[in-house]
PDB file of N, CA and C in Angstrom:
ATOM      1  N   MET A   1       4.496  36.763  33.365  1.00  0.00           N
ATOM      2  CA  MET A   1       3.601  37.369  32.739  1.00  0.00           C
ATOM      3  C   MET A   1       1.976  36.228  32.812  1.00  0.00           C
ATOM      4  N   LYS A   2       1.484  36.308  33.289  1.00  0.00           N
ATOM      5  CA  LYS A   2       0.071  35.985  33.423  1.00  0.00           C
ATOM      6  C   LYS A   2      -0.560  35.505  32.072  1.00  0.00           C
ATOM      7  N   PRO A   3      -0.980  34.593  31.915  1.00  0.00           N
ATOM      8  CA  PRO A   3      -1.598  33.960  30.435  1.00  0.00           C
ATOM      9  C   PRO A   3      -2.640  34.743  30.025  1.00  0.00           C
ATOM     10  N   GLU A   4      -3.702  35.347  30.975  1.00  0.00           N
ATOM     11  CA  GLU A   4      -4.185  36.424  30.907  1.00  0.00           C
ATOM     12  C   GLU A   4      -3.472  38.073  30.066  1.00  0.00           C
ATOM     13  N   SER A   5      -2.814  37.966  29.902  1.00  0.00           N
ATOM     14  CA  SER A   5      -1.690  39.703  30.020  1.00  0.00           C
ATOM     15  C   SER A   5      -0.880  39.244  28.752  1.00  0.00           C
ATOM     16  N   ILE A   6      -0.798  38.168  28.393  1.00  0.00           N
ATOM     17  CA  ILE A   6      -0.247  37.529  26.952  1.00  0.00           C
ATOM     18  C   ILE A   6      -1.683  37.452  26.553  1.00  0.00           C
ATOM     19  N   ASN A   7      -2.393  37.473  26.793  1.00  0.00           N
ATOM     20  CA  ASN A   7      -3.303  37.514  25.347  1.00  0.00           C
ATOM     21  C   ASN A   7      -3.928  38.920  25.059  1.00  0.00           C
ATOM     22  N   VAL A   8      -4.264  39.685  26.194  1.00  0.00           N
ATOM     23  CA  VAL A   8      -4.135  41.291  25.865  1.00  0.00           C
ATOM     24  C   VAL A   8      -3.549  41.641  25.087  1.00  0.00           C
ATOM     25  N   LYS A   9      -2.111  41.491  25.341  1.00  0.00           N
ATOM     26  CA  LYS A   9      -1.008  42.082  24.956  1.00  0.00           C
ATOM     27  C   LYS A   9      -0.669  41.166  23.237  1.00  0.00           C
ATOM     28  N   ALA A  10      -0.749  40.364  22.728  1.00  0.00           N
ATOM     29  CA  ALA A  10      -1.194  39.465  21.271  1.00  0.00           C
ATOM     30  C   ALA A  10      -2.110  40.404  20.593  1.00  0.00           C
ATOM     31  N   CYS A  11      -3.369  39.913  21.375  1.00  0.00           N
ATOM     32  CA  CYS A  11      -4.303  41.144  20.374  1.00  0.00           C
ATOM     33  C   CYS A  11      -4.116  42.289  20.260  1.00  0.00           C
ATOM     34  N   GLU A  12      -3.405  43.237  21.452  1.00  0.00           N
ATOM     35  CA  GLU A  12      -3.442  44.347  20.740  1.00  0.00           C
ATOM     36  C   GLU A  12      -2.099  44.496  19.396  1.00  0.00           C
ATOM     37  N   LEU A  13      -1.117  43.540  19.544  1.00  0.00           N
ATOM     38  CA  LEU A  13      -0.393  43.365  18.445  1.00  0.00           C
ATOM     39  C   LEU A  13      -0.917  43.358  17.222  1.00  0.00           C
ATOM     40  N   LEU A  14      -1.970  42.089  17.470  1.00  0.00           N
ATOM     41  CA  LEU A  14      -2.852  41.936  16.140  1.00  0.00           C
ATOM     42  C   LEU A  14      -3.269  42.876  15.272  1.00  0.00           C
ATOM     43  N   LYS A  15      -3.500  43.799  16.044  1.00  0.00           N
ATOM     44  CA  LYS A  15      -4.322  45.045  15.490  1.00  0.00           C
ATOM     45  C   LYS A  15      -2.940  46.132  14.788  1.00  0.00           C
ATOM     46  N   ASN A  16      -1.815  45.908  14.850  1.00  0.00           N
ATOM     47  CA  ASN A  16      -0.906  46.284  14.201  1.00  0.00           C
ATOM     48  C   ASN A  16      -0.741  45.930  12.751  1.00  0.00           C
ATOM     49  N   GLY A  17      -0.999  46.395  11.428  1.00  0.00           N
ATOM     50  CA  GLY A  17      -1.501  46.095  10.314  1.00  0.00           C
ATOM     51  C   GLY A  17       0.521  45.680   9.551  1.00  0.00           C
ATOM     52  N   LYS A  18       1.705  45.956  10.479  1.00  0.00           N
ATOM     53  CA  LYS A  18       2.622  45.497  10.065  1.00  0.00           C
ATOM     54  C   LYS A  18       3.059  44.170  10.399  1.00  0.00           C
ATOM     55  N   ILE A  19       2.628  43.837  11.705  1.00  0.00           N
ATOM     56  CA  ILE A  19       2.901  42.684  12.186  1.00  0.00           C
ATOM     57  C   ILE A  19       1.646  41.414  11.722  1.00  0.00           C
ATOM     58  N   THR A  20       0.826  41.865  11.134  1.00  0.00           N
ATOM     59  CA  THR A  20      -0.516  40.971  10.389  1.00  0.00           C
ATOM     60  C   THR A  20       0.219  40.407   8.992  1.00  0.00           C
ATOM     61  N   VAL A  21       0.728  41.557   8.573  1.00  0.00           N
ATOM     62  CA  VAL A  21       1.739  41.572   7.007  1.00  0.00           C
ATOM     63  C   VAL A  21       2.344  40.529   7.360  1.00  0.00           C
ATOM     64  N   ARG A  22       3.491  40.252   8.404  1.00  0.00           N
ATOM     65  CA  ARG A  22       4.766  39.532   8.632  1.00  0.00           C
ATOM     66  C   ARG A  22       4.314  38.434   9.195  1.00  0.00           C
ATOM     67  N   ILE A  23       3.238  38.172   9.879  1.00  0.00           N
ATOM     68  CA  ILE A  23       2.503  36.765  10.441  1.00  0.00           C
ATOM     69  C   ILE A  23       2.106  36.005   8.820  1.00  0.00           C
ATOM     70  N   ASP A  24       1.298  36.295   8.142  1.00  0.00           N
ATOM     71  CA  ASP A  24       1.206  36.437   6.970  1.00  0.00           C
ATOM     72  C   ASP A  24       2.172  35.323   6.357  1.00  0.00           C
ATOM     73  N   GLU A  25       3.416  36.263   5.856  1.00  0.00           N
ATOM     74  CA  GLU A  25       4.173  36.342   4.911  1.00  0.00           C
ATOM     75  C   GLU A  25       4.850  34.913   5.738  1.00  0.00           C
ATOM     76  N   ILE A  26       5.244  34.677   6.953  1.00  0.00           N
ATOM     77  CA  ILE A  26       5.495  33.896   7.654  1.00  0.00           C
ATOM     78  C   ILE A  26       4.611  32.438   7.327  1.00  0.00           C
ATOM     79  N   GLN A  27       3.587  32.708   7.456  1.00  0.00           N
ATOM     80  CA  GLN A  27       2.347  31.187   7.039  1.00  0.00           C
ATOM     81  C   GLN A  27       2.228  30.873   5.854  1.00  0.00           C
ATOM     82  N   SER A  28       2.635  31.922   5.187  1.00  0.00           N
ATOM     83  CA  SER A  28       2.773  31.386   3.721  1.00  0.00           C
ATOM     84  C   SER A  28       3.842  30.475   3.250  1.00  0.00           C
ATOM     85  N   LYS A  29       5.026  31.147   3.812  1.00  0.00           N
ATOM     86  CA  LYS A  29       6.132  30.321   3.506  1.00  0.00           C
ATOM     87  C   LYS A  29       6.421  29.234   4.184  1.00  0.00           C
ATOM     88  N   VAL A  30       5.289  28.573   5.049  1.00  0.00           N
ATOM     89  CA  VAL A  30       5.514  27.581   5.623  1.00  0.00           C
ATOM     90  C   VAL A  30       4.693  26.467   5.196  1.00  0.00           C
ATOM     91  N   LYS A  31       3.932  27.336   4.567  1.00  0.00           N
ATOM     92  CA  LYS A  31       2.205  26.915   3.795  1.00  0.00           C
ATOM     93  C   LYS A  31       3.011  25.792   2.494  1.00  0.00           C
ATOM     94  N   ALA A  32       3.992  26.880   2.206  1.00  0.00           N
ATOM     95  CA  ALA A  32       4.108  26.229   0.676  1.00  0.00           C
ATOM     96  C   ALA A  32       5.235  25.010   1.186  1.00  0.00           C
ATOM     97  N   LYS A  33       6.310  25.455   1.782  1.00  0.00           N
ATOM     98  CA  LYS A  33       7.095  23.945   2.205  1.00  0.00           C
ATOM     99  C   LYS A  33       6.698  22.992   2.672  1.00  0.00           C
ATOM    100  N   LEU A  34       5.208  22.989   3.462  1.00  0.00           N
ATOM    101  CA  LEU A  34       5.031  21.401   3.928  1.00  0.00           C
ATOM    102  C   LEU A  34       4.089  21.399   2.430  1.00  0.00           C
ATOM    103  N   GLU A  35       3.181  21.797   2.231  1.00  0.00           N
ATOM    104  CA  GLU A  35       2.610  21.413   0.801  1.00  0.00           C
ATOM    105  C   GLU A  35       3.516  20.575  -0.065  1.00  0.00           C
ATOM    106  N   GLN A  36       5.029  21.103  -0.318  1.00  0.00           N
ATOM    107  CA  GLN A  36       5.967  21.129  -1.416  1.00  0.00           C
ATOM    108  C   GLN A  36       6.231  19.681  -0.939  1.00  0.00           C
ATOM    109  N   GLN A  37       6.600  19.418   0.877  1.00  0.00           N
ATOM    110  CA  GLN A  37       7.281  18.285   0.969  1.00  0.00           C
ATOM    111  C   GLN A  37       5.944  16.863   1.037  1.00  0.00           C
ATOM    112  N   PHE A  38       4.657  17.428   1.579  1.00  0.00           N
ATOM    113  CA  PHE A  38       3.671  16.399   1.446  1.00  0.00           C
ATOM    114  C   PHE A  38       3.182  16.087  -0.125  1.00  0.00           C
ATOM    115  N   ASP A  39       3.446  16.516  -0.971  1.00  0.00           N
ATOM    116  CA  ASP A  39       3.234  16.098  -2.684  1.00  0.00           C
ATOM    117  C   ASP A  39       4.279  15.199  -2.484  1.00  0.00           C
ATOM    118  N   SER A  40       5.895  15.705  -2.416  1.00  0.00           N
ATOM    119  CA  SER A  40       6.952  15.076  -2.906  1.00  0.00           C
ATOM    120  C   SER A  40       6.605  13.175  -2.279  1.00  0.00           C
ATOM    121  N   THR A  41       6.333  12.987  -0.882  1.00  0.00           N
ATOM    122  CA  THR A  41       5.979  11.993  -0.578  1.00  0.00           C
ATOM    123  C   THR A  41       5.154  11.580  -0.987  1.00  0.00           C
ATOM    124  N   VAL A  42       3.795  11.651  -1.061  1.00  0.00           N
ATOM    125  CA  VAL A  42       3.028  11.428  -1.706  1.00  0.00           C
ATOM    126  C   VAL A  42       3.317  10.891  -2.894  1.00  0.00           C
ATOM    127  N   ASN A  43       3.495  11.580  -3.940  1.00  0.00           N
ATOM    128  CA  ASN A  43       4.146  11.130  -5.473  1.00  0.00           C
ATOM    129  C   ASN A  43       5.072   9.839  -5.075  1.00  0.00           C
ATOM    130  N   GLU A  44       5.941   9.964  -3.926  1.00  0.00           N
ATOM    131  CA  GLU A  44       6.736   8.948  -3.501  1.00  0.00           C
ATOM    132  C   GLU A  44       6.399   7.581  -2.953  1.00  0.00           C
ATOM    133  N   ARG A  45       5.356   7.642  -2.645  1.00  0.00           N
ATOM    134  CA  ARG A  45       4.762   6.378  -2.203  1.00  0.00           C
ATOM    135  C   ARG A  45       3.709   5.835  -3.105  1.00  0.00           C
ATOM    136  N   LEU A  46       3.141   7.134  -4.026  1.00  0.00           N
ATOM    137  CA  LEU A  46       2.430   6.427  -5.105  1.00  0.00           C
ATOM    138  C   LEU A  46       3.349   5.440  -6.151  1.00  0.00           C
ATOM    139  N   PHE A  47       4.775   6.270  -6.538  1.00  0.00           N
ATOM    140  CA  PHE A  47       5.692   5.549  -7.241  1.00  0.00           C
ATOM    141  C   PHE A  47       5.764   4.105  -6.542  1.00  0.00           C
ATOM    142  N   LEU A  48       6.317   4.251  -5.360  1.00  0.00           N
ATOM    143  CA  LEU A  48       6.509   2.674  -4.555  1.00  0.00           C
ATOM    144  C   LEU A  48       5.385   1.905  -4.584  1.00  0.00           C
ATOM    145  N   LEU A  49       3.979   1.999  -4.451  1.00  0.00           N
ATOM    146  CA  LEU A  49       2.747   1.131  -4.617  1.00  0.00           C
ATOM    147  C   LEU A  49       3.042   0.492  -6.428  1.00  0.00           C
ATOM    148  N   TRP A  50       3.121   1.677  -7.219  1.00  0.00           N
ATOM    149  CA  TRP A  50       3.128   1.198  -8.320  1.00  0.00           C
ATOM    150  C   TRP A  50       4.015   0.152  -9.110  1.00  0.00           C
ATOM    151  N   GLY A  51       5.239   0.114  -8.490  1.00  0.00           N
ATOM    152  CA  GLY A  51       6.180  -0.963  -8.013  1.00  0.00           C
ATOM    153  C   GLY A  51       5.972  -1.970  -7.741  1.00  0.00           C
ATOM    154  N   ILE A  52       5.249  -2.073  -6.834  1.00  0.00           N
ATOM    155  CA  ILE A  52       5.089  -2.943  -6.047  1.00  0.00           C
ATOM    156  C   ILE A  52       3.259  -3.954  -6.640  1.00  0.00           C
ATOM    157  N   ALA A  53       2.644  -2.981  -7.316  1.00  0.00           N
ATOM    158  CA  ALA A  53       1.585  -3.248  -8.383  1.00  0.00           C
ATOM    159  C   ALA A  53       2.205  -4.324  -9.288  1.00  0.00           C
ATOM    160  N   LYS A  54       3.377  -3.554 -10.236  1.00  0.00           N
ATOM    161  CA  LYS A  54       3.687  -3.944 -11.326  1.00  0.00           C
ATOM    162  C   LYS A  54       4.454  -5.122 -10.922  1.00  0.00           C
ATOM    163  N   ALA A  55       5.632  -5.510  -9.921  1.00  0.00           N
ATOM    164  CA  ALA A  55       6.679  -6.524  -9.685  1.00  0.00           C
ATOM    165  C   ALA A  55       5.626  -7.706  -9.549  1.00  0.00           C
ATOM    166  N   CYS A  56       4.152  -7.501  -8.486  1.00  0.00           N
ATOM    167  CA  CYS A  56       3.678  -8.527  -8.341  1.00  0.00           C
ATOM    168  C   CYS A  56       2.889  -9.190  -9.171  1.00  0.00           C
ATOM    169  N   SER A  57       2.716  -8.455 -10.197  1.00  0.00           N
ATOM    170  CA  SER A  57       1.514  -8.492 -11.459  1.00  0.00           C
ATOM    171  C   SER A  57       2.254  -9.556 -12.165  1.00  0.00           C
ATOM    172  N   GLN A  58       3.802  -9.451 -12.203  1.00  0.00           N
ATOM    173  CA  GLN A  58       4.618 -10.550 -12.777  1.00  0.00           C
ATOM    174  C   GLN A  58       4.092 -12.107 -13.103  1.00  0.00           C
ATOM    175  N   LYS A  59       4.194 -12.942 -14.584  1.00  0.00           N
ATOM    176  CA  LYS A  59       4.009 -13.960 -14.138  1.00  0.00           C
ATOM    177  C   LYS A  59       5.366 -14.783 -14.127  1.00  0.00           C
ATOM    178  N   GLU A  60       5.040 -15.859 -12.880  1.00  0.00           N
ATOM    179  CA  GLU A  60       6.289 -17.007 -12.093  1.00  0.00           C
ATOM    180  C   GLU A  60       6.740 -17.500 -13.630  1.00  0.00           C
ATOM    181  N   GLU A  61       8.125 -17.230 -13.546  1.00  0.00           N
ATOM    182  CA  GLU A  61       9.130 -18.067 -14.714  1.00  0.00           C
ATOM    183  C   GLU A  61       7.961 -19.677 -14.713  1.00  0.00           C
ATOM    184  N   GLY A  62       8.094 -20.001 -15.949  1.00  0.00           N
ATOM    185  CA  GLY A  62       7.388 -21.137 -16.317  1.00  0.00           C
ATOM    186  C   GLY A  62       5.917 -21.850 -16.260  1.00  0.00           C
ATOM    187  N   THR A  63       5.159 -20.519 -15.445  1.00  0.00           N
ATOM    188  CA  THR A  63       3.999 -20.581 -15.331  1.00  0.00           C
ATOM    189  C   THR A  63       3.022 -19.779 -15.683  1.00  0.00           C
ATOM    190  N   GLN A  64       1.781 -19.772 -15.400  1.00  0.00           N
ATOM    191  CA  GLN A  64       0.860 -19.215 -15.699  1.00  0.00           C
ATOM    192  C   GLN A  64       0.381 -18.137 -14.247  1.00  0.00           C
ATOM    193  N   ARG A  65       1.141 -17.931 -13.504  1.00  0.00           N
ATOM    194  CA  ARG A  65       0.488 -17.669 -11.728  1.00  0.00           C
ATOM    195  C   ARG A  65       1.286 -16.429 -11.789  1.00  0.00           C
ATOM    196  N   LEU A  66       0.685 -15.582 -11.040  1.00  0.00           N
ATOM    197  CA  LEU A  66       1.226 -14.140 -10.924  1.00  0.00           C
ATOM    198  C   LEU A  66       1.830 -14.538  -9.616  1.00  0.00           C
ATOM    199  N   VAL A  67       3.412 -13.612  -9.557  1.00  0.00           N
ATOM    200  CA  VAL A  67       3.998 -13.810  -8.665  1.00  0.00           C
ATOM    201  C   VAL A  67       3.168 -13.575  -6.791  1.00  0.00           C
ATOM    202  N   ASN A  68       1.951 -12.706  -6.851  1.00  0.00           N
ATOM    203  CA  ASN A  68       1.643 -12.255  -5.691  1.00  0.00           C
ATOM    204  C   ASN A  68       0.383 -11.792  -6.165  1.00  0.00           C
ATOM    205  N   PRO A  69      -0.662 -11.743  -6.543  1.00  0.00           N
ATOM    206  CA  PRO A  69      -1.886 -11.064  -6.994  1.00  0.00           C
ATOM    207  C   PRO A  69      -2.799 -10.511  -5.933  1.00  0.00           C
ATOM    208  N   GLN A  70      -2.591 -10.862  -4.969  1.00  0.00           N
ATOM    209  CA  GLN A  70      -2.613 -10.089  -3.551  1.00  0.00           C
ATOM    210  C   GLN A  70      -2.512  -8.763  -3.658  1.00  0.00           C
ATOM    211  N   ALA A  71      -1.445  -9.046  -3.340  1.00  0.00           N
ATOM    212  CA  ALA A  71      -0.537  -8.220  -3.148  1.00  0.00           C
ATOM    213  C   ALA A  71      -0.914  -6.921  -4.106  1.00  0.00           C
ATOM    214  N   ALA A  72      -0.509  -7.074  -5.611  1.00  0.00           N
ATOM    215  CA  ALA A  72      -0.736  -6.354  -6.761  1.00  0.00           C
ATOM    216  C   ALA A  72      -2.121  -5.689  -6.211  1.00  0.00           C
ATOM    217  N   ILE A  73      -3.197  -6.519  -5.967  1.00  0.00           N
ATOM    218  CA  ILE A  73      -4.483  -5.639  -5.794  1.00  0.00           C
ATOM    219  C   ILE A  73      -4.350  -5.101  -4.770  1.00  0.00           C
ATOM    220  N   SER A  74      -3.446  -5.388  -3.483  1.00  0.00           N
ATOM    221  CA  SER A  74      -3.685  -4.299  -2.762  1.00  0.00           C
ATOM    222  C   SER A  74      -3.046  -3.180  -2.221  1.00  0.00           C
ATOM    223  N   ALA A  75      -1.888  -3.051  -3.426  1.00  0.00           N
ATOM    224  CA  ALA A  75      -1.277  -1.587  -4.217  1.00  0.00           C
ATOM    225  C   ALA A  75      -2.035  -0.840  -4.800  1.00  0.00           C
ATOM    226  N   ILE A  76      -2.714  -1.654  -5.742  1.00  0.00           N
ATOM    227  CA  ILE A  76      -3.857  -0.941  -6.663  1.00  0.00           C
ATOM    228  C   ILE A  76      -5.275  -0.201  -6.043  1.00  0.00           C
ATOM    229  N   ASP A  77      -5.310  -0.673  -4.929  1.00  0.00           N
ATOM    230  CA  ASP A  77      -6.597  -0.437  -4.637  1.00  0.00           C
ATOM    231  C   ASP A  77      -5.905   0.531  -3.319  1.00  0.00           C
ATOM    232  N   GLN A  78      -4.771   0.722  -2.775  1.00  0.00           N
ATOM    233  CA  GLN A  78      -4.230   1.988  -2.119  1.00  0.00           C
ATOM    234  C   GLN A  78      -4.004   2.925  -3.434  1.00  0.00           C
ATOM    235  N   ILE A  79      -3.560   2.687  -4.339  1.00  0.00           N
ATOM    236  CA  ILE A  79      -3.091   3.819  -5.270  1.00  0.00           C
ATOM    237  C   ILE A  79      -4.745   4.531  -5.636  1.00  0.00           C
ATOM    238  N   ASN A  80      -5.768   3.864  -5.913  1.00  0.00           N
ATOM    239  CA  ASN A  80      -6.484   4.049  -5.963  1.00  0.00           C
ATOM    240  C   ASN A  80      -7.765   4.682  -5.013  1.00  0.00           C
ATOM    241  N   LYS A  81      -7.448   5.010  -3.665  1.00  0.00           N
ATOM    242  CA  LYS A  81      -8.022   5.684  -2.620  1.00  0.00           C
ATOM    243  C   LYS A  81      -7.010   6.572  -2.696  1.00  0.00           C
ATOM    244  N   MET A  82      -5.487   6.873  -2.848  1.00  0.00           N
ATOM    245  CA  MET A  82      -5.061   8.123  -2.417  1.00  0.00           C
ATOM    246  C   MET A  82      -5.043   8.815  -3.669  1.00  0.00           C
ATOM    247  N   THR A  83      -5.808   8.853  -4.955  1.00  0.00           N
ATOM    248  CA  THR A  83      -5.815   9.453  -5.930  1.00  0.00           C
ATOM    249  C   THR A  83      -7.668   9.820  -6.171  1.00  0.00           C
ATOM    250  N   GLY A  84      -8.204   9.142  -5.229  1.00  0.00           N
ATOM    251  CA  GLY A  84      -9.557   9.636  -5.113  1.00  0.00           C
ATOM    252  C   GLY A  84     -10.225   8.664  -6.380  1.00  0.00           C
ATOM    253  N   ASP A  85      -9.991   7.760  -6.876  1.00  0.00           N
ATOM    254  CA  ASP A  85     -10.523   6.475  -7.645  1.00  0.00           C
ATOM    255  C   ASP A  85     -11.373   5.764  -7.707  1.00  0.00           C
ATOM    256  N   HIS A  86     -11.690   5.988  -6.190  1.00  0.00           N
ATOM    257  CA  HIS A  86     -12.094   4.556  -4.998  1.00  0.00           C
ATOM    258  C   HIS A  86     -13.432   5.002  -4.761  1.00  0.00           C
ATOM    259  N   ALA A  87     -13.810   6.295  -5.270  1.00  0.00           N
ATOM    260  CA  ALA A  87     -14.848   7.134  -4.391  1.00  0.00           C
ATOM    261  C   ALA A  87     -16.128   5.989  -5.194  1.00  0.00           C
ATOM    262  N   ALA A  88     -17.214   5.654  -4.250  1.00  0.00           N
ATOM    263  CA  ALA A  88     -18.509   5.171  -4.924  1.00  0.00           C
ATOM    264  C   ALA A  88     -19.413   6.682  -5.701  1.00  0.00           C
ATOM    265  N   VAL A  89     -19.904   6.192  -6.825  1.00  0.00           N
ATOM    266  CA  VAL A  89     -20.485   6.977  -7.577  1.00  0.00           C
ATOM    267  C   VAL A  89     -21.987   6.794  -7.339  1.00  0.00           C
ATOM    268  N   LYS A  90     -22.605   8.280  -7.230  1.00  0.00           N
ATOM    269  CA  LYS A  90     -23.787   8.221  -7.101  1.00  0.00           C
ATOM    270  C   LYS A  90     -24.846   8.177  -8.165  1.00  0.00           C
ATOM    271  N   GLN A  91     -25.996   7.693  -8.723  1.00  0.00           N
ATOM    272  CA  GLN A  91     -26.343   7.151  -9.908  1.00  0.00           C
ATOM    273  C   GLN A  91     -28.082   7.414  -9.259  1.00  0.00           C
ATOM    274  N   LYS A  92     -28.663   7.741 -10.239  1.00  0.00           N
ATOM    275  CA  LYS A  92     -29.885   8.254  -9.577  1.00  0.00           C
ATOM    276  C   LYS A  92     -30.623   7.503 -11.079  1.00  0.00           C
ATOM    277  N   THR A  93     -31.937   6.793 -10.022  1.00  0.00           N
ATOM    278  CA  THR A  93     -32.938   5.461 -11.033  1.00  0.00           C
ATOM    279  C   THR A  93     -34.464   6.215 -10.918  1.00  0.00           C
ATOM    280  N   GLU A  94     -34.968   6.010 -11.724  1.00  0.00           N
ATOM    281  CA  GLU A  94     -36.271   6.980 -11.846  1.00  0.00           C
ATOM    282  C   GLU A  94     -36.968   5.622 -12.597  1.00  0.00           C
ATOM    283  N   HIS A  95     -38.439   5.562 -11.916  1.00  0.00           N
ATOM    284  CA  HIS A  95     -39.086   4.475 -12.323  1.00  0.00           C
ATOM    285  C   HIS A  95     -40.437   4.947 -12.642  1.00  0.00           C
ATOM    286  N   SER A  96     -41.028   4.379 -13.735  1.00  0.00           N
ATOM    287  CA  SER A  96     -42.461   4.821 -13.669  1.00  0.00           C
ATOM    288  C   SER A  96     -43.548   3.932 -13.961  1.00  0.00           C
ATOM    289  N   GLY A  97     -44.317   3.712 -13.573  1.00  0.00           N
ATOM    290  CA  GLY A  97     -45.354   2.997 -13.682  1.00  0.00           C
ATOM    291  C   GLY A  97     -46.049   2.579 -12.194  1.00  0.00           C
ATOM    292  N   SER A  98     -46.126   1.472 -12.257  1.00  0.00           N
ATOM    293  CA  SER A  98     -46.988   0.532 -11.086  1.00  0.00           C
ATOM    294  C   SER A  98     -46.150  -0.576 -10.563  1.00  0.00           C
ATOM    295  N   VAL A  99     -45.491  -0.712  -8.972  1.00  0.00           N
ATOM    296  CA  VAL A  99     -44.909  -1.964  -8.822  1.00  0.00           C
ATOM    297  C   VAL A  99     -46.231  -2.850  -8.089  1.00  0.00           C
ATOM    298  N   GLU A 100     -45.977  -4.400  -8.217  1.00  0.00           N
ATOM    299  CA  GLU A 100     -46.943  -5.058  -7.444  1.00  0.00           C
ATOM    300  C   GLU A 100     -46.113  -5.774  -6.113  1.00  0.00           C
ATOM    301  N   MET A 101     -46.764  -5.957  -5.346  1.00  0.00           N
ATOM    302  CA  MET A 101     -45.910  -6.304  -3.917  1.00  0.00           C
ATOM    303  C   MET A 101     -46.992  -7.541  -4.034  1.00  0.00           C
ATOM    304  N   THR A 102     -45.793  -8.668  -4.375  1.00  0.00           N
ATOM    305  CA  THR A 102     -46.214  -9.790  -4.111  1.00  0.00           C
ATOM    306  C   THR A 102     -45.549 -10.824  -3.202  1.00  0.00           C
ATOM    307  N   ASP A 103     -44.398 -10.735  -2.846  1.00  0.00           N
ATOM    308  CA  ASP A 103     -43.631 -10.753  -2.080  1.00  0.00           C
ATOM    309  C   ASP A 103     -44.037 -10.688  -0.608  1.00  0.00           C
ATOM    310  N   SER A 104     -44.639 -11.941   0.123  1.00  0.00           N
ATOM    311  CA  SER A 104     -45.664 -11.893   1.303  1.00  0.00           C
ATOM    312  C   SER A 104     -44.560 -11.263   2.580  1.00  0.00           C
ATOM    313  N   ARG A 105     -43.103 -11.344   2.789  1.00  0.00           N
ATOM    314  CA  ARG A 105     -41.863 -10.936   3.220  1.00  0.00           C
ATOM    315  C   ARG A 105     -41.927  -9.400   3.095  1.00  0.00           C
ATOM    316  N   ALA A 106     -41.620  -9.105   2.177  1.00  0.00           N
ATOM    317  CA  ALA A 106     -41.837  -7.107   1.915  1.00  0.00           C
ATOM    318  C   ALA A 106     -43.168  -6.671   2.681  1.00  0.00           C
ATOM    319  N   LEU A 107     -44.293  -7.080   2.378  1.00  0.00           N
ATOM    320  CA  LEU A 107     -45.623  -6.942   2.696  1.00  0.00           C
ATOM    321  C   LEU A 107     -45.309  -6.925   3.998  1.00  0.00           C
ATOM    322  N   GLU A 108     -45.014  -7.776   4.768  1.00  0.00           N
ATOM    323  CA  GLU A 108     -44.457  -7.633   6.546  1.00  0.00           C
ATOM    324  C   GLU A 108     -43.791  -6.932   6.946  1.00  0.00           C
ATOM    325  N   ILE A 109     -42.687  -6.686   6.525  1.00  0.00           N
ATOM    326  CA  ILE A 109     -41.610  -5.879   6.660  1.00  0.00           C
ATOM    327  C   ILE A 109     -42.784  -4.263   6.548  1.00  0.00           C
ATOM    328  N   LEU A 110     -42.948  -4.329   5.680  1.00  0.00           N
ATOM    329  CA  LEU A 110     -44.308  -2.373   5.333  1.00  0.00           C
ATOM    330  C   LEU A 110     -44.911  -2.123   6.697  1.00  0.00           C
ATOM    331  N   THR A 111     -45.709  -3.646   6.788  1.00  0.00           N
ATOM    332  CA  THR A 111     -46.556  -3.443   7.650  1.00  0.00           C
ATOM    333  C   THR A 111     -45.939  -3.261   9.278  1.00  0.00           C
ATOM    334  N   GLU A 112     -45.110  -3.932   9.379  1.00  0.00           N
ATOM    335  CA  GLU A 112     -43.972  -3.442  10.722  1.00  0.00           C
ATOM    336  C   GLU A 112     -43.299  -2.285  10.762  1.00  0.00           C
ATOM    337  N   ASN A 113     -43.684  -1.766  10.070  1.00  0.00           N
ATOM    338  CA  ASN A 113     -42.740  -0.149  10.024  1.00  0.00           C
ATOM    339  C   ASN A 113     -43.788   1.023   9.590  1.00  0.00           C
ATOM    340  N   GLY A 114     -45.073   0.364   9.609  1.00  0.00           N
ATOM    341  CA  GLY A 114     -46.437   1.339   9.557  1.00  0.00           C
ATOM    342  C   GLY A 114     -46.542   2.033   8.342  1.00  0.00           C
ATOM    343  N   ILE A 115     -46.301   0.996   7.005  1.00  0.00           N
ATOM    344  CA  ILE A 115     -46.662   1.588   5.859  1.00  0.00           C
ATOM    345  C   ILE A 115     -47.635   0.957   5.447  1.00  0.00           C
ATOM    346  N   ASP A 116     -48.518   1.708   4.437  1.00  0.00           N
ATOM    347  CA  ASP A 116     -49.946   1.069   4.186  1.00  0.00           C
ATOM    348  C   ASP A 116     -49.613   0.884   2.863  1.00  0.00           C
ATOM    349  N   ALA A 117     -49.427  -0.987   2.483  1.00  0.00           N
ATOM    350  CA  ALA A 117     -48.800  -1.075   1.012  1.00  0.00           C
ATOM    351  C   ALA A 117     -49.721  -0.806  -0.073  1.00  0.00           C
ATOM    352  N   SER A 118     -51.288  -0.696   0.566  1.00  0.00           N
ATOM    353  CA  SER A 118     -52.276  -0.681  -0.584  1.00  0.00           C
ATOM    354  C   SER A 118     -51.930   0.960  -0.904  1.00  0.00           C
ATOM    355  N   LYS A 119     -51.262   2.195  -0.064  1.00  0.00           N
ATOM    356  CA  LYS A 119     -50.827   3.671  -0.687  1.00  0.00           C
ATOM    357  C   LYS A 119     -50.378   3.460  -1.705  1.00  0.00           C
ATOM    358  N   LEU A 120     -48.924   2.721  -1.894  1.00  0.00           N
ATOM    359  CA  LEU A 120     -47.919   3.353  -2.893  1.00  0.00           C
ATOM    360  C   LEU A 120     -48.518   2.383  -3.916  1.00  0.00           C
ATOM    361  N   ASN A 121     -49.770   1.795  -4.408  1.00  0.00           N
ATOM    362  CA  ASN A 121     -49.705   2.115  -6.058  1.00  0.00           C
ATOM    363  C   ASN A 121     -50.454   3.473  -5.911  1.00  0.00           C
TER     364      ASN A 121
END
């Protein structure tokens, strides 16, 4: 069968309500299974990373030095990225009043970019 014929037949079959319901059922089962597998592997990785962070944060026997502080920091950093705690925080700052331009380099940069500093006040 030619690819064009297959596409036409597939479109005809998808217009049948019973077939689309069955396709949706199968897709839902596959999606649920994949989500369950993904969640378990994510949790396993988080658990492993937490173990690394804890083990590397222990003090060496008889000293005040950590076993491997860089590995502990890297593990914690990765945990933060995986859980979304690493996202940048957007802050809005408002200013009222005037700003005086005293830095000659800043004035130079404004001028180079076609900005009239006298209109900023």
